[in-house]
Every structure is written in C-alpha cells, then in structure tokens.
C-alpha atoms as a PDB file:
ATOM      1  CA  MET A   1       0.000   0.000   0.000  1.00  0.00           C
ATOM      2  CA  VAL A   2       2.880   2.347   0.741  1.00  0.00           C
ATOM      3  CA  GLN A   3       4.362   1.440  -2.631  1.00  0.00           C
ATOM      4  CA  ASP A   4       1.093   2.415  -4.375  1.00  0.00           C
ATOM      5  CA  ARG A   5       1.059   5.825  -2.694  1.00  0.00           C
ATOM      6  CA  PHE A   6       4.642   6.570  -3.714  1.00  0.00           C
ATOM      7  CA  SER A   7       3.926   5.376  -7.254  1.00  0.00           C
ATOM      8  CA  ASP A   8       0.937   7.713  -7.527  1.00  0.00           C
ATOM      9  CA  PHE A   9       2.942  10.641  -6.172  1.00  0.00           C
ATOM     10  CA  ASP A  10       5.871   9.967  -8.511  1.00  0.00           C
ATOM     11  CA  ARG A  11       3.513   9.852 -11.471  1.00  0.00           C
ATOM     12  CA  ARG A  12       1.891  13.151 -10.475  1.00  0.00           C
ATOM     13  CA  GLU A  13       5.284  14.739  -9.969  1.00  0.00           C
ATOM     14  CA  ALA A  14       6.330  13.589 -13.439  1.00  0.00           C
ATOM     15  CA  ALA A  15       3.112  15.031 -14.840  1.00  0.00           C
ATOM     16  CA  ALA A  16       3.798  18.299 -13.048  1.00  0.00           C
ATOM     17  CA  ARG A  17       7.325  18.422 -14.488  1.00  0.00           C
ATOM     18  CA  TRP A  18       5.897  17.974 -17.963  1.00  0.00           C
ATOM     19  CA  HIS A  19       3.387  20.738 -17.338  1.00  0.00           C
ATOM     20  CA  ALA A  20       6.172  23.033 -16.191  1.00  0.00           C
ATOM     21  CA  GLU A  21       8.279  22.125 -19.221  1.00  0.00           C
ATOM     22  CA  LEU A  22       5.485  22.830 -21.688  1.00  0.00           C
ATOM     23  CA  GLN A  23       4.789  26.313 -20.347  1.00  0.00           C
ATOM     24  CA  ASP A  24       7.980  27.603 -21.944  1.00  0.00           C
ATOM     25  CA  PRO A  25       6.922  29.665 -24.998  1.00  0.00           C
ATOM     26  CA  ASP A  26      10.078  28.469 -26.783  1.00  0.00           C
ATOM     27  CA  VAL A  27       9.492  24.756 -26.190  1.00  0.00           C
ATOM     28  CA  ASP A  28      10.403  22.816 -29.334  1.00  0.00           C
ATOM     29  CA  GLU A  29       8.746  19.907 -31.102  1.00  0.00           C
ATOM     30  CA  ARG A  30      11.127  17.343 -29.600  1.00  0.00           C
ATOM     31  CA  ILE A  31       9.850  18.163 -26.113  1.00  0.00           C
ATOM     32  CA  TRP A  32       6.242  17.888 -27.303  1.00  0.00           C
ATOM     33  CA  GLN A  33       6.949  14.548 -28.933  1.00  0.00           C
ATOM     34  CA  ALA A  34       8.631  13.207 -25.794  1.00  0.00           C
ATOM     35  CA  PHE A  35       5.651  14.353 -23.744  1.00  0.00           C
ATOM     36  CA  ARG A  36       3.181  12.659 -26.086  1.00  0.00           C
ATOM     37  CA  THR A  37       5.191   9.432 -25.877  1.00  0.00           C
ATOM     38  CA  TRP A  38       5.071   9.544 -22.066  1.00  0.00           C
ATOM     39  CA  GLU A  39       1.376  10.441 -22.004  1.00  0.00           C
ATOM     40  CA  GLN A  40       0.370   7.639 -24.358  1.00  0.00           C
ATOM     41  CA  ALA A  41       2.541   5.004 -22.671  1.00  0.00           C
ATOM     42  CA  ASP A  42       0.048   4.497 -19.837  1.00  0.00           C
ATOM     43  CA  PRO A  43      -3.543   5.700 -19.285  1.00  0.00           C
ATOM     44  CA  ALA A  44      -2.540   6.635 -15.747  1.00  0.00           C
ATOM     45  CA  ASN A  45       0.029   9.115 -17.137  1.00  0.00           C
ATOM     46  CA  ALA A  46      -2.667  10.954 -19.077  1.00  0.00           C
ATOM     47  CA  ALA A  47      -4.911  10.904 -16.008  1.00  0.00           C
ATOM     48  CA  ALA A  48      -2.139  12.351 -13.833  1.00  0.00           C
ATOM     49  CA  TYR A  49      -1.550  15.187 -16.301  1.00  0.00           C
ATOM     50  CA  GLN A  50      -5.281  15.936 -16.312  1.00  0.00           C
ATOM     51  CA  GLU A  51      -5.204  16.043 -12.514  1.00  0.00           C
ATOM     52  CA  ILE A  52      -2.434  18.629 -12.574  1.00  0.00           C
ATOM     53  CA  GLU A  53      -4.321  20.809 -15.048  1.00  0.00           C
ATOM     54  CA  ALA A  54      -7.530  20.484 -13.032  1.00  0.00           C
ATOM     55  CA  ALA A  55      -5.696  21.335  -9.812  1.00  0.00           C
ATOM     56  CA  LEU A  56      -4.320  24.530 -11.321  1.00  0.00           C
ATOM     57  CA  VAL A  57      -7.791  25.582 -12.452  1.00  0.00           C
ATOM     58  CA  LEU A  58      -9.202  24.911  -9.008  1.00  0.00           C
ATOM     59  CA  LEU A  59      -6.284  26.649  -7.360  1.00  0.00           C
ATOM     60  CA  ASP A  60      -6.858  29.731  -9.472  1.00  0.00           C
ATOM     61  CA  GLN A  61     -10.534  29.743  -8.485  1.00  0.00           C
ATOM     62  CA  SER A  62     -10.047  28.917  -4.821  1.00  0.00           C
ATOM     63  CA  SER A  63      -9.245  31.003  -1.794  1.00  0.00           C
ATOM     64  CA  LEU A  64      -5.715  29.566  -1.886  1.00  0.00           C
ATOM     65  CA  ALA A  65      -4.913  31.493  -5.055  1.00  0.00           C
ATOM     66  CA  ASP A  66      -3.976  34.704  -3.239  1.00  0.00           C
ATOM     67  CA  SER A  67      -1.710  32.968  -0.751  1.00  0.00           C
ATOM     68  CA  TRP A  68      -0.058  30.421  -3.070  1.00  0.00           C
ATOM     69  CA  PRO A  69       3.521  31.241  -4.046  1.00  0.00           C
ATOM     70  CA  VAL A  70       3.928  32.565  -7.578  1.00  0.00           C
ATOM     71  CA  LEU A  71       6.998  31.406  -9.456  1.00  0.00           C
ATOM     72  CA  PRO A  72       8.746  33.765 -11.898  1.00  0.00           C
ATOM     73  CA  ARG A  73       9.057  32.895 -15.583  1.00  0.00           C
ATOM     74  CA  ARG A  74      11.504  30.015 -15.935  1.00  0.00           C
ATOM     75  CA  PRO A  75      14.973  30.886 -17.190  1.00  0.00           C
ATOM     76  CA  ARG A  76      16.523  29.064 -20.103  1.00  0.00           C
ATOM     77  CA  LEU A  77      18.985  26.200 -19.729  1.00  0.00           C
ATOM     78  CA  PRO A  78      21.062  25.311 -17.790  1.00  0.00           C
ATOM     79  CA  ARG A  79      18.772  26.462 -14.952  1.00  0.00           C
ATOM     80  CA  LEU A  80      15.738  25.019 -16.766  1.00  0.00           C
ATOM     81  CA  LEU A  81      15.695  21.670 -14.990  1.00  0.00           C
ATOM     82  CA  LEU A  82      16.089  23.234 -11.575  1.00  0.00           C
ATOM     83  CA  ALA A  83      13.254  25.673 -12.200  1.00  0.00           C
ATOM     84  CA  GLY A  84      11.116  22.872 -13.627  1.00  0.00           C
ATOM     85  CA  ALA A  85      11.690  20.773 -10.521  1.00  0.00           C
ATOM     86  CA  ALA A  86      10.665  23.657  -8.286  1.00  0.00           C
ATOM     87  CA  LEU A  87       7.521  24.296 -10.274  1.00  0.00           C
ATOM     88  CA  ALA A  88       6.765  20.588 -10.322  1.00  0.00           C
ATOM     89  CA  ALA A  89       6.921  20.474  -6.547  1.00  0.00           C
ATOM     90  CA  VAL A  90       4.548  23.424  -6.334  1.00  0.00           C
ATOM     91  CA  LEU A  91       2.108  21.878  -8.786  1.00  0.00           C
ATOM     92  CA  ALA A  92       2.169  18.510  -7.058  1.00  0.00           C
ATOM     93  CA  ALA A  93       1.544  20.185  -3.719  1.00  0.00           C
ATOM     94  CA  ALA A  94      -1.194  22.286  -5.317  1.00  0.00           C
ATOM     95  CA  LEU A  95      -2.984  19.155  -6.416  1.00  0.00           C
ATOM     96  CA  PHE A  96      -3.194  17.787  -2.887  1.00  0.00           C
ATOM     97  CA  ALA A  97      -3.917  21.150  -1.268  1.00  0.00           C
ATOM     98  CA  VAL A  98      -6.711  22.078  -3.647  1.00  0.00           C
ATOM     99  CA  THR A  99      -8.372  18.672  -3.698  1.00  0.00           C
ATOM    100  CA  ALA A 100      -8.288  18.629   0.093  1.00  0.00           C
ATOM    101  CA  ALA A 101      -9.824  22.091   0.189  1.00  0.00           C
ATOM    102  CA  SER A 102     -12.430  21.250  -2.454  1.00  0.00           C
ATOM    103  CA  PRO A 103     -14.694  18.416  -1.231  1.00  0.00           C
ATOM    104  CA  GLY A 104     -16.665  18.469  -4.504  1.00  0.00           C
ATOM    105  CA  TYR A 105     -13.595  17.994  -6.672  1.00  0.00           C
ATOM    106  CA  GLU A 106     -13.718  14.957  -8.978  1.00  0.00           C
ATOM    107  CA  LEU A 107     -10.948  13.636 -11.188  1.00  0.00           C
ATOM    108  CA  ARG A 108     -11.731  13.214 -14.852  1.00  0.00           C
ATOM    109  CA  PRO A 109     -11.834   9.623 -16.103  1.00  0.00           C
ATOM    110  CA  VAL A 110      -9.590   8.221 -18.813  1.00  0.00           C
ATOM    111  CA  ILE A 111     -11.772   7.062 -21.715  1.00  0.00           C
ATOM    112  CA  HIS A 112     -11.019   4.247 -24.168  1.00  0.00           C
ATOM    113  CA  VAL A 113     -13.161   3.548 -27.234  1.00  0.00           C
ATOM    114  CA  THR A 114     -13.104   0.895 -29.955  1.00  0.00           C
ATOM    115  CA  GLU A 115     -14.882   1.265 -33.284  1.00  0.00           C
ATOM    116  CA  ILE A 116     -17.004  -1.402 -35.004  1.00  0.00           C
ATOM    117  CA  GLY A 117     -14.732  -4.325 -35.891  1.00  0.00           C
ATOM    118  CA  GLU A 118     -11.885  -3.062 -33.693  1.00  0.00           C
ATOM    119  CA  ARG A 119     -10.415  -4.645 -30.549  1.00  0.00           C
ATOM    120  CA  ALA A 120      -7.901  -3.146 -28.118  1.00  0.00           C
ATOM    121  CA  ASP A 121      -5.882  -4.062 -25.027  1.00  0.00           C
ATOM    122  CA  VAL A 122      -5.325  -1.597 -22.182  1.00  0.00           C
ATOM    123  CA  THR A 123      -2.817  -2.086 -19.344  1.00  0.00           C
ATOM    124  CA  LEU A 124      -3.663  -0.151 -16.183  1.00  0.00           C
ATOM    125  CA  ALA A 125      -1.283   1.444 -13.711  1.00  0.00           C
ATOM    126  CA  ASP A 126      -1.833  -1.370 -11.184  1.00  0.00           C
ATOM    127  CA  GLY A 127      -0.940  -4.083 -13.697  1.00  0.00           C
ATOM    128  CA  SER A 128      -4.529  -5.069 -14.482  1.00  0.00           C
ATOM    129  CA  ARG A 129      -5.448  -5.510 -18.138  1.00  0.00           C
ATOM    130  CA  ILE A 130      -8.647  -4.759 -20.031  1.00  0.00           C
ATOM    131  CA  HIS A 131      -9.416  -6.346 -23.390  1.00  0.00           C
ATOM    132  CA  LEU A 132     -11.987  -4.258 -25.265  1.00  0.00           C
ATOM    133  CA  ASN A 133     -14.250  -5.906 -27.818  1.00  0.00           C
ATOM    134  CA  THR A 134     -15.827  -4.241 -30.839  1.00  0.00           C
ATOM    135  CA  ASP A 135     -17.838  -1.010 -30.471  1.00  0.00           C
ATOM    136  CA  THR A 136     -16.982  -0.526 -26.783  1.00  0.00           C
ATOM    137  CA  GLN A 137     -16.444   2.456 -24.522  1.00  0.00           C
ATOM    138  CA  ILE A 138     -15.037   2.343 -21.003  1.00  0.00           C
ATOM    139  CA  GLU A 139     -14.145   5.031 -18.472  1.00  0.00           C
ATOM    140  CA  ILE A 140     -11.336   4.466 -15.956  1.00  0.00           C
ATOM    141  CA  LEU A 141     -11.043   6.433 -12.732  1.00  0.00           C
ATOM    142  CA  PHE A 142      -8.546   5.314 -10.105  1.00  0.00           C
ATOM    143  CA  SER A 143      -8.454   7.003  -6.706  1.00  0.00           C
ATOM    144  CA  GLN A 144      -6.775   6.347  -3.369  1.00  0.00           C
ATOM    145  CA  GLN A 145      -9.942   4.533  -2.257  1.00  0.00           C
ATOM    146  CA  ALA A 146     -10.874   2.358  -5.242  1.00  0.00           C
ATOM    147  CA  ARG A 147     -10.107   1.255  -8.777  1.00  0.00           C
ATOM    148  CA  ARG A 148     -13.381   2.132 -10.462  1.00  0.00           C
ATOM    149  CA  LEU A 149     -14.377   1.598 -14.076  1.00  0.00           C
ATOM    150  CA  HIS A 150     -17.583   2.336 -15.967  1.00  0.00           C
ATOM    151  CA  LEU A 151     -18.532   0.217 -18.973  1.00  0.00           C
ATOM    152  CA  VAL A 152     -20.546   2.713 -20.998  1.00  0.00           C
ATOM    153  CA  SER A 153     -21.274   0.306 -23.847  1.00  0.00           C
ATOM    154  CA  GLY A 154     -20.025  -2.883 -25.452  1.00  0.00           C
ATOM    155  CA  GLN A 155     -17.984  -5.714 -23.986  1.00  0.00           C
ATOM    156  CA  ALA A 156     -14.717  -6.099 -22.098  1.00  0.00           C
ATOM    157  CA  LEU A 157     -12.663  -8.864 -20.525  1.00  0.00           C
ATOM    158  CA  PHE A 158     -10.969  -7.905 -17.260  1.00  0.00           C
ATOM    159  CA  GLU A 159      -7.748  -9.430 -15.866  1.00  0.00           C
ATOM    160  CA  VAL A 160      -7.516  -7.981 -12.372  1.00  0.00           C
ATOM    161  CA  ALA A 161      -4.201  -7.647 -10.560  1.00  0.00           C
ATOM    162  CA  PRO A 162      -4.277  -8.108  -6.769  1.00  0.00           C
ATOM    163  CA  GLY A 163      -4.197  -4.894  -4.772  1.00  0.00           C
ATOM    164  CA  PRO A 164      -5.397  -3.270  -1.547  1.00  0.00           C
ATOM    165  CA  ARG A 165      -8.001  -1.134  -3.355  1.00  0.00           C
ATOM    166  CA  PRO A 166     -11.240  -2.742  -4.567  1.00  0.00           C
ATOM    167  CA  PHE A 167     -11.657  -3.184  -8.330  1.00  0.00           C
ATOM    168  CA  ILE A 168     -15.206  -2.150  -9.259  1.00  0.00           C
ATOM    169  CA  VAL A 169     -16.914  -2.135 -12.661  1.00  0.00           C
ATOM    170  CA  ASP A 170     -20.233  -0.338 -13.155  1.00  0.00           C
ATOM    171  CA  ALA A 171     -22.396  -1.339 -16.125  1.00  0.00           C
ATOM    172  CA  GLY A 172     -26.027  -0.343 -16.433  1.00  0.00           C
ATOM    173  CA  GLU A 173     -27.727  -1.028 -13.107  1.00  0.00           C
ATOM    174  CA  THR A 174     -25.017  -3.467 -12.000  1.00  0.00           C
ATOM    175  CA  GLU A 175     -21.867  -3.161  -9.939  1.00  0.00           C
ATOM    176  CA  THR A 176     -19.276  -5.933 -10.104  1.00  0.00           C
ATOM    177  CA  ILE A 177     -16.528  -6.172  -7.488  1.00  0.00           C
ATOM    178  CA  ALA A 178     -13.595  -8.389  -8.449  1.00  0.00           C
ATOM    179  CA  HIS A 179     -11.618 -10.541  -6.057  1.00  0.00           C
ATOM    180  CA  GLY A 180      -8.403 -11.090  -8.064  1.00  0.00           C
ATOM    181  CA  THR A 181     -10.053 -12.571 -11.080  1.00  0.00           C
ATOM    182  CA  LEU A 182     -10.736 -12.923 -14.826  1.00  0.00           C
ATOM    183  CA  PHE A 183     -14.230 -12.025 -15.981  1.00  0.00           C
ATOM    184  CA  ASP A 184     -16.182 -10.670 -18.952  1.00  0.00           C
ATOM    185  CA  ILE A 185     -18.942  -8.043 -18.963  1.00  0.00           C
ATOM    186  CA  TYR A 186     -21.216  -7.520 -21.951  1.00  0.00           C
ATOM    187  CA  ARG A 187     -23.605  -4.571 -21.815  1.00  0.00           C
ATOM    188  CA  ARG A 188     -26.470  -4.725 -24.300  1.00  0.00           C
ATOM    189  CA  GLU A 189     -30.016  -3.413 -24.634  1.00  0.00           C
ATOM    190  CA  GLU A 190     -31.714  -6.329 -22.895  1.00  0.00           C
ATOM    191  CA  GLY A 191     -29.378  -6.230 -19.904  1.00  0.00           C
ATOM    192  CA  VAL A 192     -25.862  -6.837 -18.618  1.00  0.00           C
ATOM    193  CA  ARG A 193     -24.136 -10.221 -18.656  1.00  0.00           C
ATOM    194  CA  ILE A 194     -21.259 -10.925 -16.258  1.00  0.00           C
ATOM    195  CA  ALA A 195     -19.388 -14.179 -16.955  1.00  0.00           C
ATOM    196  CA  LEU A 196     -16.616 -15.485 -14.694  1.00  0.00           C
ATOM    197  CA  ARG A 197     -13.689 -17.580 -15.891  1.00  0.00           C
ATOM    198  CA  GLU A 198     -11.354 -17.453 -12.864  1.00  0.00           C
ATOM    199  CA  GLY A 199     -11.496 -16.236  -9.265  1.00  0.00           C
ATOM    200  CA  ALA A 200     -14.669 -14.732  -7.850  1.00  0.00           C
ATOM    201  CA  VAL A 201     -16.812 -11.632  -8.296  1.00  0.00           C
ATOM    202  CA  SER A 202     -19.685 -10.080  -6.367  1.00  0.00           C
ATOM    203  CA  VAL A 203     -22.522  -8.742  -8.527  1.00  0.00           C
ATOM    204  CA  THR A 204     -25.008  -6.197  -7.215  1.00  0.00           C
ATOM    205  CA  GLN A 205     -28.014  -4.816  -9.070  1.00  0.00           C
ATOM    206  CA  ASP A 206     -29.963  -1.770  -7.903  1.00  0.00           C
ATOM    207  CA  HIS A 207     -28.169  -1.906  -4.519  1.00  0.00           C
ATOM    208  CA  ALA A 208     -29.712  -5.298  -3.688  1.00  0.00           C
ATOM    209  CA  ALA A 209     -27.833  -8.018  -1.817  1.00  0.00           C
ATOM    210  CA  PRO A 210     -24.721  -9.081  -3.776  1.00  0.00           C
ATOM    211  CA  ILE A 211     -24.532 -12.386  -5.635  1.00  0.00           C
ATOM    212  CA  LEU A 212     -21.220 -14.266  -5.563  1.00  0.00           C
ATOM    213  CA  LEU A 213     -20.247 -15.888  -8.860  1.00  0.00           C
ATOM    214  CA  HIS A 214     -17.890 -18.851  -9.142  1.00  0.00           C
ATOM    215  CA  PRO A 215     -15.857 -19.896 -12.209  1.00  0.00           C
ATOM    216  CA  GLY A 216     -18.130 -21.246 -14.942  1.00  0.00           C
ATOM    217  CA  GLN A 217     -21.082 -19.092 -13.897  1.00  0.00           C
ATOM    218  CA  GLN A 218     -22.689 -16.075 -15.529  1.00  0.00           C
ATOM    219  CA  ALA A 219     -25.286 -13.598 -14.313  1.00  0.00           C
ATOM    220  CA  LEU A 220     -27.743 -11.894 -16.655  1.00  0.00           C
ATOM    221  CA  ALA A 221     -29.115  -8.722 -15.088  1.00  0.00           C
ATOM    222  CA  ARG A 222     -32.192  -7.326 -16.840  1.00  0.00           C
ATOM    223  CA  PRO A 223     -33.705  -3.993 -15.787  1.00  0.00           C
ATOM    224  CA  GLY A 224     -36.186  -4.406 -12.962  1.00  0.00           C
ATOM    225  CA  GLN A 225     -35.451  -8.125 -12.503  1.00  0.00           C
ATOM    226  CA  PRO A 226     -33.098  -9.939 -10.131  1.00  0.00           C
ATOM    227  CA  PRO A 227     -29.988 -11.365 -11.843  1.00  0.00           C
ATOM    228  CA  GLN A 228     -30.342 -14.877 -13.250  1.00  0.00           C
ATOM    229  CA  VAL A 229     -27.332 -17.118 -12.651  1.00  0.00           C
ATOM    230  CA  THR A 230     -26.626 -19.936 -15.118  1.00  0.00           C
ATOM    231  CA  ALA A 231     -23.705 -22.202 -16.017  1.00  0.00           C
ATOM    232  CA  ILE A 232     -21.319 -21.447 -18.890  1.00  0.00           C
ATOM    233  CA  ASP A 233     -18.257 -23.199 -20.294  1.00  0.00           C
ATOM    234  CA  PRO A 234     -15.318 -21.153 -18.922  1.00  0.00           C
ATOM    235  CA  ALA A 235     -13.363 -21.768 -22.142  1.00  0.00           C
ATOM    236  CA  ARG A 236     -15.963 -19.785 -24.103  1.00  0.00           C
ATOM    237  CA  ILE A 237     -15.603 -16.676 -21.951  1.00  0.00           C
ATOM    238  CA  GLY A 238     -13.559 -14.134 -23.867  1.00  0.00           C
ATOM    239  CA  GLN A 239     -13.360 -16.381 -26.923  1.00  0.00           C
ATOM    240  CA  TRP A 240     -14.042 -13.299 -29.079  1.00  0.00           C
ATOM    241  CA  GLN A 241     -10.389 -12.345 -28.525  1.00  0.00           C
ATOM    242  CA  SER A 242      -9.448 -14.987 -31.108  1.00  0.00           C
ATOM    243  CA  GLY A 243     -11.413 -13.132 -33.777  1.00  0.00           C
ATOM    244  CA  THR A 244     -13.910 -15.974 -34.185  1.00  0.00           C
ATOM    245  CA  LEU A 245     -17.498 -16.454 -33.041  1.00  0.00           C
ATOM    246  CA  GLU A 246     -18.841 -19.859 -32.011  1.00  0.00           C
ATOM    247  CA  PHE A 247     -22.548 -20.604 -32.195  1.00  0.00           C
ATOM    248  CA  ASP A 248     -24.013 -23.704 -30.558  1.00  0.00           C
ATOM    249  CA  ASN A 249     -27.580 -24.426 -31.679  1.00  0.00           C
ATOM    250  CA  VAL A 250     -28.667 -20.775 -31.624  1.00  0.00           C
ATOM    251  CA  THR A 251     -31.324 -19.176 -33.779  1.00  0.00           C
ATOM    252  CA  LEU A 252     -30.299 -17.496 -37.001  1.00  0.00           C
ATOM    253  CA  ALA A 253     -31.605 -14.224 -35.570  1.00  0.00           C
ATOM    254  CA  GLU A 254     -29.220 -14.512 -32.604  1.00  0.00           C
ATOM    255  CA  ALA A 255     -26.265 -15.394 -34.813  1.00  0.00           C
ATOM    256  CA  VAL A 256     -26.939 -12.517 -37.219  1.00  0.00           C
ATOM    257  CA  ALA A 257     -27.261 -10.039 -34.347  1.00  0.00           C
ATOM    258  CA  GLU A 258     -23.865 -11.144 -33.034  1.00  0.00           C
ATOM    259  CA  MET A 259     -22.204 -11.011 -36.461  1.00  0.00           C
ATOM    260  CA  ASN A 260     -23.564  -7.506 -37.034  1.00  0.00           C
ATOM    261  CA  ARG A 261     -21.627  -6.253 -34.000  1.00  0.00           C
ATOM    262  CA  TYR A 262     -18.347  -6.696 -35.867  1.00  0.00           C
ATOM    263  CA  ALA A 263     -18.991  -5.100 -39.275  1.00  0.00           C
ATOM    264  CA  THR A 264     -20.570  -2.035 -40.816  1.00  0.00           C
ATOM    265  CA  THR A 265     -22.142  -4.218 -43.502  1.00  0.00           C
ATOM    266  CA  ARG A 266     -25.410  -5.330 -41.966  1.00  0.00           C
ATOM    267  CA  ILE A 267     -27.028  -8.713 -42.476  1.00  0.00           C
ATOM    268  CA  VAL A 268     -30.818  -8.526 -42.660  1.00  0.00           C
ATOM    269  CA  ILE A 269     -33.257 -11.437 -42.452  1.00  0.00           C
ATOM    270  CA  ALA A 270     -36.083 -10.750 -44.893  1.00  0.00           C
ATOM    271  CA  ASP A 271     -38.286 -13.726 -43.944  1.00  0.00           C
ATOM    272  CA  PRO A 272     -39.326 -14.062 -40.258  1.00  0.00           C
ATOM    273  CA  ALA A 273     -39.562 -17.833 -40.694  1.00  0.00           C
ATOM    274  CA  LEU A 274     -35.820 -17.956 -41.409  1.00  0.00           C
ATOM    275  CA  ALA A 275     -35.033 -16.154 -38.169  1.00  0.00           C
ATOM    276  CA  ALA A 276     -36.105 -19.210 -36.182  1.00  0.00           C
ATOM    277  CA  GLU A 277     -33.759 -21.592 -38.025  1.00  0.00           C
ATOM    278  CA  ARG A 278     -30.993 -22.899 -35.776  1.00  0.00           C
ATOM    279  CA  ILE A 279     -27.280 -23.054 -36.584  1.00  0.00           C
ATOM    280  CA  SER A 280     -24.002 -24.202 -35.072  1.00  0.00           C
ATOM    281  CA  GLY A 281     -20.443 -23.529 -36.105  1.00  0.00           C
ATOM    282  CA  VAL A 282     -17.392 -21.287 -35.815  1.00  0.00           C
ATOM    283  CA  PHE A 283     -17.203 -18.199 -38.016  1.00  0.00           C
ATOM    284  CA  PRO A 284     -14.690 -15.343 -38.459  1.00  0.00           C
ATOM    285  CA  ALA A 285     -16.003 -12.180 -36.823  1.00  0.00           C
ATOM    286  CA  GLY A 286     -16.704  -9.397 -39.300  1.00  0.00           C
ATOM    287  CA  GLU A 287     -16.621 -11.636 -42.391  1.00  0.00           C
ATOM    288  CA  GLN A 288     -20.236 -11.034 -43.387  1.00  0.00           C
ATOM    289  CA  GLU A 289     -20.080 -12.382 -46.947  1.00  0.00           C
ATOM    290  CA  SER A 290     -18.338 -15.597 -45.885  1.00  0.00           C
ATOM    291  CA  PHE A 291     -20.927 -16.087 -43.159  1.00  0.00           C
ATOM    292  CA  ALA A 292     -23.811 -15.627 -45.602  1.00  0.00           C
ATOM    293  CA  GLU A 293     -22.222 -18.033 -48.093  1.00  0.00           C
ATOM    294  CA  ALA A 294     -21.828 -20.676 -45.390  1.00  0.00           C
ATOM    295  CA  LEU A 295     -25.464 -20.282 -44.362  1.00  0.00           C
ATOM    296  CA  ALA A 296     -26.605 -20.894 -47.915  1.00  0.00           C
ATOM    297  CA  LEU A 297     -24.905 -24.318 -47.858  1.00  0.00           C
ATOM    298  CA  TYR A 298     -26.875 -25.586 -44.850  1.00  0.00           C
ATOM    299  CA  LEU A 299     -30.125 -23.611 -44.733  1.00  0.00           C
ATOM    300  CA  PRO A 300     -32.873 -23.097 -47.332  1.00  0.00           C
ATOM    301  CA  LEU A 301     -31.872 -19.524 -48.043  1.00  0.00           C
ATOM    302  CA  LYS A 302     -29.961 -17.318 -50.423  1.00  0.00           C
ATOM    303  CA  ALA A 303     -28.110 -14.039 -49.863  1.00  0.00           C
ATOM    304  CA  GLU A 304     -28.493 -10.900 -51.941  1.00  0.00           C
ATOM    305  CA  GLY A 305     -26.279  -7.812 -51.659  1.00  0.00           C
ATOM    306  CA  LYS A 306     -28.327  -4.607 -51.558  1.00  0.00           C
ATOM    307  CA  ALA A 307     -27.045  -1.079 -50.850  1.00  0.00           C
ATOM    308  CA  GLY A 308     -24.361  -2.043 -48.355  1.00  0.00           C
ATOM    309  CA  ARG A 309     -26.486  -4.787 -46.803  1.00  0.00           C
ATOM    310  CA  ILE A 310     -26.712  -8.549 -47.174  1.00  0.00           C
ATOM    311  CA  VAL A 311     -30.319  -9.678 -47.274  1.00  0.00           C
ATOM    312  CA  LEU A 312     -31.119 -13.290 -46.363  1.00  0.00           C
ATOM    313  CA  MET A 313     -34.258 -14.663 -47.984  1.00  0.00           C
ATOM    314  CA  ARG A 314     -35.806 -18.040 -48.643  1.00  0.00           C
ATOM    315  CA  ALA A 315     -34.154 -19.906 -51.523  1.00  0.00           C
ATOM    316  CA  ASP A 316     -37.408 -19.981 -53.487  1.00  0.00           C
ATOM    317  CA  ALA A 317     -38.196 -16.294 -52.907  1.00  0.00           C
ATOM    318  CA  ARG A 318     -38.071 -13.791 -55.756  1.00  0.00           C
ATOM    319  CA  ALA A 319     -35.615 -10.877 -55.350  1.00  0.00           C
ATOM    320  CA  ASP A 320     -37.113  -7.376 -55.553  1.00  0.00           C
END
C-alpha cells in the first residue's frame, strides 16, 4: 500500500514536471513529442496530467490562489531543470492542497473507445489488463480509495491484478466487485451479462444483496429483474479475442445479431420464418459475406447484396 502511494505521487510529480516544461513559450517539437510518448505510454500518465491541469484551475478559483507562491518565468537552460523541478513540486503540492480544500472535486476519467470491428488491449497502472471488444467504450477512474471503471457500452474482458483497493466495474444497473479474477462483462439493450472464468466476483443490481459468482457461472441482469445465474463453459468466456465467433444451436436471428456487431455491412433477415432456423459452427467475426455463403450451404436460403447490406431470404423467394 505504501508502494502504491509513492507510485501515484511519482507519477503526479512527473506530470507536473511535464506541465512546467510545456509552459515555456520556446518549447520545441522534440519536447512535445517526448511528452506525447510519455502520455500515451500508460492511461494513468494521461490521467495524472489531467489532474495537474484540473488542480491549477481549481487553485486559481479557490481562496488559496492569493496565498499560493507565484513562481517567476523560468529561465533558459542550464537552470531550466532546476526551475522545472521547483515548479513541479509546487504543482504537485497544489494538487493535494486544492483537492483537500475542495470536497466536490472529482478527477476526470480516462476514456477508451473501440470502433465497429476493432479490438484493443489496455494495461492499467496497477498491472490489471482490459481487453476491449468491438464497439466498446469504457471510463477508468482510479483514486486512493478504489479502482473504479464504468462500462458505458459494449464488452470487455478484465484481468484484475491483486491490490489493496477494490476493483469495481459499473455497467447499467449493476456493480461488479472483483476478487483477483478474470471475468467478462457484456452490456447490451436487454441487460448486462457478467461471466466469470477465474477467481470470484460479487454482482449487485440496484443496490440489492450481492450475488457471488464462481468460475463457470454467468449472471444476466435485466432492468427491474433480479440477476439470473446460469452455467457457462469457462473456455468460451472471452473467446471473441481470437477473432472468431462460435454458435451452438442458436437461432439465425441470434447469430446474425452477433455477427452484425463486428462489421458495418449489416445482415438482414427478410423472412421471419428464417429467423427461427438454428445453426451451429465457428465463423470469423466481421466476415459477413463468408458467413452468408456458409449459411446458404446448410439452410434453405440465399443471400443478396443490396445497398451495403446482405439480405437473407428463402431460396425460393423472388428478389425485388
């Protein structure tokens, strides 16, 4: 725990040094490039820099502004580093002083987004990893009290590193608290699904009593209903990372809905009777044409390309 506190302070001090460095009106592109490299190396670096900027705004607006020491314009090298270190110390202290004096102060989250068909991996400051599936947005906000994340939309697989602070993921009406674990959360219109591969998680919906999940279990939380816990093959949790989708005796409507998550070309079922047909198999995610061609081999349907869509219709139907 002591190590975490020092790590956070060191990161904020580094962010403050960068802020001090970038205030020089003569700063060159090499400095900017080095800063961007540092900022993009870790989401926590960007968050620390945002904290410094926010602290300065609050400091300027607070009652501490009149009493806070004002540093003169920094001289050029060789005194640059010394002046930067002094300003960094002031900024780092300002962050703690202002946040302590401003009970309503909130840090801004770090946001990660994937587009349709895109996947991404994010390594957090504590060593945890998040694997983002297609069309996903997540907000990350670490504090001294908790490691909190908000799944705004989409799906993510979480590998949680042990630590003294709780790891909490909010999604819809649910709150999932990890206990050193590997789990997947999928937020969709009909509800939130939490599936556990390793470890244990506590799932709470609408502040009700928590439900403890064990490996091979998933909870589906629909709005206004208590979570339903069912069994799931742990090997299938996070399988989307391989770039393939496996369907086991699901309806064509379910399979098409899942395939449509990974591509801008939409598959449309023209005949409601086809939607109830059941399929099994493993298919590449995002390969809409290949999927439609495979369907035509096993089901009584044909596929027609129309204005950026693939329309599935009965084999004996006439195209418009």
